[in-house]
Amino acid sequence: MSPAPRPFESVLRVRRHTELRVAVALAEQERMKLAAEEAIRAAGARIEAAQEELRDALEGRLDSATLRLTAHAALIEERHRRRATQALFSMAPALQHARAVLAAASADRRAVELLRERRQREEVARRERSEQASLDEIAARCTGEWA
């Protein structure tokens, strides 16, 4: 014999799966945000290194080709940093939306869980009332008060 049907289990399973999918998508977006932040930090460090190299090159004999190359490298890194910063700012609305979708999916799942718990409590109360009615009937028959 198959187990008794469990109401809301299939709906709850779908809601959990949906919430998990949304959480994974949000985590991927968060990972991309962290990668963009890391790219900004790395570009900043490379810019600092290029500027330090320029300062060191200004001491002693000046080599215009090296200065030009170092300055050009710093400008390229600045462009990379700006692009990464723009990418980071463009991710903000998508991240906000993904967080809102996750919150909604979590609320949907929680609503089904609460409904399932309420139904379980109602079923337990119904069984207890039924058992009490049966015990009252038995007691009434034993004492002869049952008509």
C-alpha atoms as a PDB file:
ATOM      1  CA  MET A   1       0.000   0.000   0.000  1.00  0.00           C
ATOM      2  CA  SER A   2       1.320   3.411  -0.893  1.00  0.00           C
ATOM      3  CA  PRO A   3       1.936   5.969   1.833  1.00  0.00           C
ATOM      4  CA  ALA A   4      -0.804   8.459   2.606  1.00  0.00           C
ATOM      5  CA  PRO A   5      -0.773  11.479   0.310  1.00  0.00           C
ATOM      6  CA  ARG A   6       0.959  14.420   1.882  1.00  0.00           C
ATOM      7  CA  PRO A   7      -0.735  17.640   0.921  1.00  0.00           C
ATOM      8  CA  PHE A   8       1.453  20.517  -0.226  1.00  0.00           C
ATOM      9  CA  GLU A   9       4.586  18.370  -0.575  1.00  0.00           C
ATOM     10  CA  SER A  10       4.728  18.653  -4.364  1.00  0.00           C
ATOM     11  CA  VAL A  11       4.029  22.395  -4.243  1.00  0.00           C
ATOM     12  CA  LEU A  12       6.641  22.826  -1.519  1.00  0.00           C
ATOM     13  CA  ARG A  13       9.169  20.820  -3.535  1.00  0.00           C
ATOM     14  CA  VAL A  14       8.589  23.100  -6.550  1.00  0.00           C
ATOM     15  CA  ARG A  15       8.872  26.229  -4.392  1.00  0.00           C
ATOM     16  CA  ARG A  16      12.123  24.986  -2.847  1.00  0.00           C
ATOM     17  CA  HIS A  17      13.505  24.188  -6.287  1.00  0.00           C
ATOM     18  CA  THR A  18      12.511  27.631  -7.568  1.00  0.00           C
ATOM     19  CA  GLU A  19      14.095  29.300  -4.549  1.00  0.00           C
ATOM     20  CA  LEU A  20      17.290  27.298  -5.075  1.00  0.00           C
ATOM     21  CA  ARG A  21      17.446  28.246  -8.769  1.00  0.00           C
ATOM     22  CA  VAL A  22      16.988  31.921  -7.915  1.00  0.00           C
ATOM     23  CA  ALA A  23      19.610  31.696  -5.145  1.00  0.00           C
ATOM     24  CA  VAL A  24      22.102  30.115  -7.560  1.00  0.00           C
ATOM     25  CA  ALA A  25      21.448  32.871 -10.123  1.00  0.00           C
ATOM     26  CA  LEU A  26      21.949  35.509  -7.421  1.00  0.00           C
ATOM     27  CA  ALA A  27      25.163  33.831  -6.285  1.00  0.00           C
ATOM     28  CA  GLU A  28      26.444  33.913  -9.871  1.00  0.00           C
ATOM     29  CA  GLN A  29      25.686  37.621 -10.109  1.00  0.00           C
ATOM     30  CA  GLU A  30      27.377  38.202  -6.750  1.00  0.00           C
ATOM     31  CA  ARG A  31      30.396  36.277  -8.048  1.00  0.00           C
ATOM     32  CA  MET A  32      30.521  38.515 -11.123  1.00  0.00           C
ATOM     33  CA  LYS A  33      30.285  41.569  -8.857  1.00  0.00           C
ATOM     34  CA  LEU A  34      33.200  40.323  -6.769  1.00  0.00           C
ATOM     35  CA  ALA A  35      35.195  39.646  -9.942  1.00  0.00           C
ATOM     36  CA  ALA A  36      34.545  43.218 -11.127  1.00  0.00           C
ATOM     37  CA  GLU A  37      35.592  44.588  -7.732  1.00  0.00           C
ATOM     38  CA  GLU A  38      38.752  42.495  -7.862  1.00  0.00           C
ATOM     39  CA  ALA A  39      39.471  43.767 -11.387  1.00  0.00           C
ATOM     40  CA  ILE A  40      39.124  47.332 -10.115  1.00  0.00           C
ATOM     41  CA  ARG A  41      41.506  46.652  -7.232  1.00  0.00           C
ATOM     42  CA  ALA A  42      44.011  44.893  -9.518  1.00  0.00           C
ATOM     43  CA  ALA A  43      43.911  47.706 -12.065  1.00  0.00           C
ATOM     44  CA  GLY A  44      44.422  50.226  -9.262  1.00  0.00           C
ATOM     45  CA  ALA A  45      47.428  48.280  -8.010  1.00  0.00           C
ATOM     46  CA  ARG A  46      48.879  48.142 -11.517  1.00  0.00           C
ATOM     47  CA  ILE A  47      48.342  51.893 -11.912  1.00  0.00           C
ATOM     48  CA  GLU A  48      50.128  52.513  -8.618  1.00  0.00           C
ATOM     49  CA  ALA A  49      52.991  50.280  -9.763  1.00  0.00           C
ATOM     50  CA  ALA A  50      53.222  52.139 -13.092  1.00  0.00           C
ATOM     51  CA  GLN A  51      53.220  55.496 -11.316  1.00  0.00           C
ATOM     52  CA  GLU A  52      55.933  54.298  -8.947  1.00  0.00           C
ATOM     53  CA  GLU A  53      57.921  53.108 -11.940  1.00  0.00           C
ATOM     54  CA  LEU A  54      57.513  56.545 -13.520  1.00  0.00           C
ATOM     55  CA  ARG A  55      58.722  58.235 -10.330  1.00  0.00           C
ATOM     56  CA  ASP A  56      61.746  55.941 -10.231  1.00  0.00           C
ATOM     57  CA  ALA A  57      62.447  56.634 -13.903  1.00  0.00           C
ATOM     58  CA  LEU A  58      62.505  60.383 -13.234  1.00  0.00           C
ATOM     59  CA  GLU A  59      65.615  59.955 -11.085  1.00  0.00           C
ATOM     60  CA  GLY A  60      68.907  60.056 -12.892  1.00  0.00           C
ATOM     61  CA  ARG A  61      69.057  59.785 -16.678  1.00  0.00           C
ATOM     62  CA  LEU A  62      65.699  60.164 -18.452  1.00  0.00           C
ATOM     63  CA  ASP A  63      64.737  57.733 -21.176  1.00  0.00           C
ATOM     64  CA  SER A  64      61.807  59.207 -23.094  1.00  0.00           C
ATOM     65  CA  ALA A  65      60.795  55.883 -24.700  1.00  0.00           C
ATOM     66  CA  THR A  66      60.541  54.154 -21.325  1.00  0.00           C
ATOM     67  CA  LEU A  67      58.658  57.093 -19.837  1.00  0.00           C
ATOM     68  CA  ARG A  68      56.241  57.090 -22.752  1.00  0.00           C
ATOM     69  CA  LEU A  69      55.642  53.325 -22.515  1.00  0.00           C
ATOM     70  CA  THR A  70      55.151  53.466 -18.757  1.00  0.00           C
ATOM     71  CA  ALA A  71      52.717  56.386 -19.047  1.00  0.00           C
ATOM     72  CA  HIS A  72      50.860  54.596 -21.819  1.00  0.00           C
ATOM     73  CA  ALA A  73      50.596  51.439 -19.688  1.00  0.00           C
ATOM     74  CA  ALA A  74      49.188  53.504 -16.811  1.00  0.00           C
ATOM     75  CA  LEU A  75      46.590  55.041 -19.134  1.00  0.00           C
ATOM     76  CA  ILE A  76      45.575  51.606 -20.403  1.00  0.00           C
ATOM     77  CA  GLU A  77      45.189  50.365 -16.831  1.00  0.00           C
ATOM     78  CA  GLU A  78      43.091  53.428 -15.996  1.00  0.00           C
ATOM     79  CA  ARG A  79      40.837  52.598 -18.940  1.00  0.00           C
ATOM     80  CA  HIS A  80      40.525  48.997 -17.684  1.00  0.00           C
ATOM     81  CA  ARG A  81      39.642  50.274 -14.231  1.00  0.00           C
ATOM     82  CA  ARG A  82      36.978  52.606 -15.642  1.00  0.00           C
ATOM     83  CA  ARG A  83      35.437  49.772 -17.659  1.00  0.00           C
ATOM     84  CA  ALA A  84      35.379  47.504 -14.618  1.00  0.00           C
ATOM     85  CA  THR A  85      33.806  50.293 -12.566  1.00  0.00           C
ATOM     86  CA  GLN A  86      31.140  50.839 -15.228  1.00  0.00           C
ATOM     87  CA  ALA A  87      30.462  47.099 -15.312  1.00  0.00           C
ATOM     88  CA  LEU A  88      30.131  47.086 -11.534  1.00  0.00           C
ATOM     89  CA  PHE A  89      27.652  49.961 -11.577  1.00  0.00           C
ATOM     90  CA  SER A  90      25.652  48.336 -14.378  1.00  0.00           C
ATOM     91  CA  MET A  91      25.335  45.171 -12.250  1.00  0.00           C
ATOM     92  CA  ALA A  92      23.677  46.986  -9.340  1.00  0.00           C
ATOM     93  CA  PRO A  93      20.092  47.041 -10.719  1.00  0.00           C
ATOM     94  CA  ALA A  94      20.276  43.380 -11.759  1.00  0.00           C
ATOM     95  CA  LEU A  95      21.589  42.432  -8.313  1.00  0.00           C
ATOM     96  CA  GLN A  96      18.817  44.388  -6.629  1.00  0.00           C
ATOM     97  CA  HIS A  97      16.224  42.678  -8.818  1.00  0.00           C
ATOM     98  CA  ALA A  98      17.731  39.236  -8.162  1.00  0.00           C
ATOM     99  CA  ARG A  99      17.654  39.874  -4.402  1.00  0.00           C
ATOM    100  CA  ALA A 100      13.996  40.925  -4.640  1.00  0.00           C
ATOM    101  CA  VAL A 101      13.158  37.803  -6.672  1.00  0.00           C
ATOM    102  CA  LEU A 102      14.932  35.647  -4.078  1.00  0.00           C
ATOM    103  CA  ALA A 103      13.020  37.328  -1.261  1.00  0.00           C
ATOM    104  CA  ALA A 104       9.741  36.708  -3.113  1.00  0.00           C
ATOM    105  CA  ALA A 105      10.646  33.059  -3.776  1.00  0.00           C
ATOM    106  CA  SER A 106      11.549  32.597  -0.107  1.00  0.00           C
ATOM    107  CA  ALA A 107       8.264  34.203   0.952  1.00  0.00           C
ATOM    108  CA  ASP A 108       6.326  31.907  -1.407  1.00  0.00           C
ATOM    109  CA  ARG A 109       8.063  28.840  -0.019  1.00  0.00           C
ATOM    110  CA  ARG A 110       7.506  29.987   3.550  1.00  0.00           C
ATOM    111  CA  ALA A 111       3.804  30.604   2.840  1.00  0.00           C
ATOM    112  CA  VAL A 112       3.403  27.023   1.631  1.00  0.00           C
ATOM    113  CA  GLU A 113       5.322  25.741   4.659  1.00  0.00           C
ATOM    114  CA  LEU A 114       3.072  27.716   7.011  1.00  0.00           C
ATOM    115  CA  LEU A 115      -0.042  26.456   5.235  1.00  0.00           C
ATOM    116  CA  ARG A 116       1.225  22.873   5.455  1.00  0.00           C
ATOM    117  CA  GLU A 117       1.983  23.290   9.176  1.00  0.00           C
ATOM    118  CA  ARG A 118      -1.459  24.779   9.801  1.00  0.00           C
ATOM    119  CA  ARG A 119      -3.119  21.879   7.978  1.00  0.00           C
ATOM    120  CA  GLN A 120      -1.068  19.413  10.008  1.00  0.00           C
ATOM    121  CA  ARG A 121      -2.156  21.110  13.248  1.00  0.00           C
ATOM    122  CA  GLU A 122      -5.770  21.053  12.068  1.00  0.00           C
ATOM    123  CA  GLU A 123      -5.487  17.345  11.231  1.00  0.00           C
ATOM    124  CA  VAL A 124      -4.020  16.582  14.661  1.00  0.00           C
ATOM    125  CA  ALA A 125      -6.800  18.581  16.338  1.00  0.00           C
ATOM    126  CA  ARG A 126      -9.444  16.784  14.207  1.00  0.00           C
ATOM    127  CA  ARG A 127      -8.012  13.380  15.178  1.00  0.00           C
ATOM    128  CA  GLU A 128      -7.915  14.358  18.846  1.00  0.00           C
ATOM    129  CA  ARG A 129     -11.547  15.520  18.706  1.00  0.00           C
ATOM    130  CA  SER A 130     -12.546  12.285  16.983  1.00  0.00           C
ATOM    131  CA  GLU A 131     -10.701  10.210  19.561  1.00  0.00           C
ATOM    132  CA  GLN A 132     -12.284  12.196  22.381  1.00  0.00           C
ATOM    133  CA  ALA A 133     -15.744  11.707  20.854  1.00  0.00           C
ATOM    134  CA  SER A 134     -15.086   7.964  20.605  1.00  0.00           C
ATOM    135  CA  LEU A 135     -13.915   7.831  24.218  1.00  0.00           C
ATOM    136  CA  ASP A 136     -16.985   9.820  25.321  1.00  0.00           C
ATOM    137  CA  GLU A 137     -19.231   7.386  23.445  1.00  0.00           C
ATOM    138  CA  ILE A 138     -17.529   4.387  25.034  1.00  0.00           C
ATOM    139  CA  ALA A 139     -17.797   5.971  28.480  1.00  0.00           C
ATOM    140  CA  ALA A 140     -21.474   6.783  27.899  1.00  0.00           C
ATOM    141  CA  ARG A 141     -22.228   3.187  26.834  1.00  0.00           C
ATOM    142  CA  CYS A 142     -20.414   1.821  29.861  1.00  0.00           C
ATOM    143  CA  THR A 143     -22.393   3.963  32.257  1.00  0.00           C
ATOM    144  CA  GLY A 144     -25.662   3.327  30.445  1.00  0.00           C
ATOM    145  CA  GLU A 145     -26.304   6.953  29.627  1.00  0.00           C
ATOM    146  CA  TRP A 146     -26.271   6.289  25.939  1.00  0.00           C
ATOM    147  CA  ALA A 147     -29.674   6.289  24.379  1.00  0.00           C
END
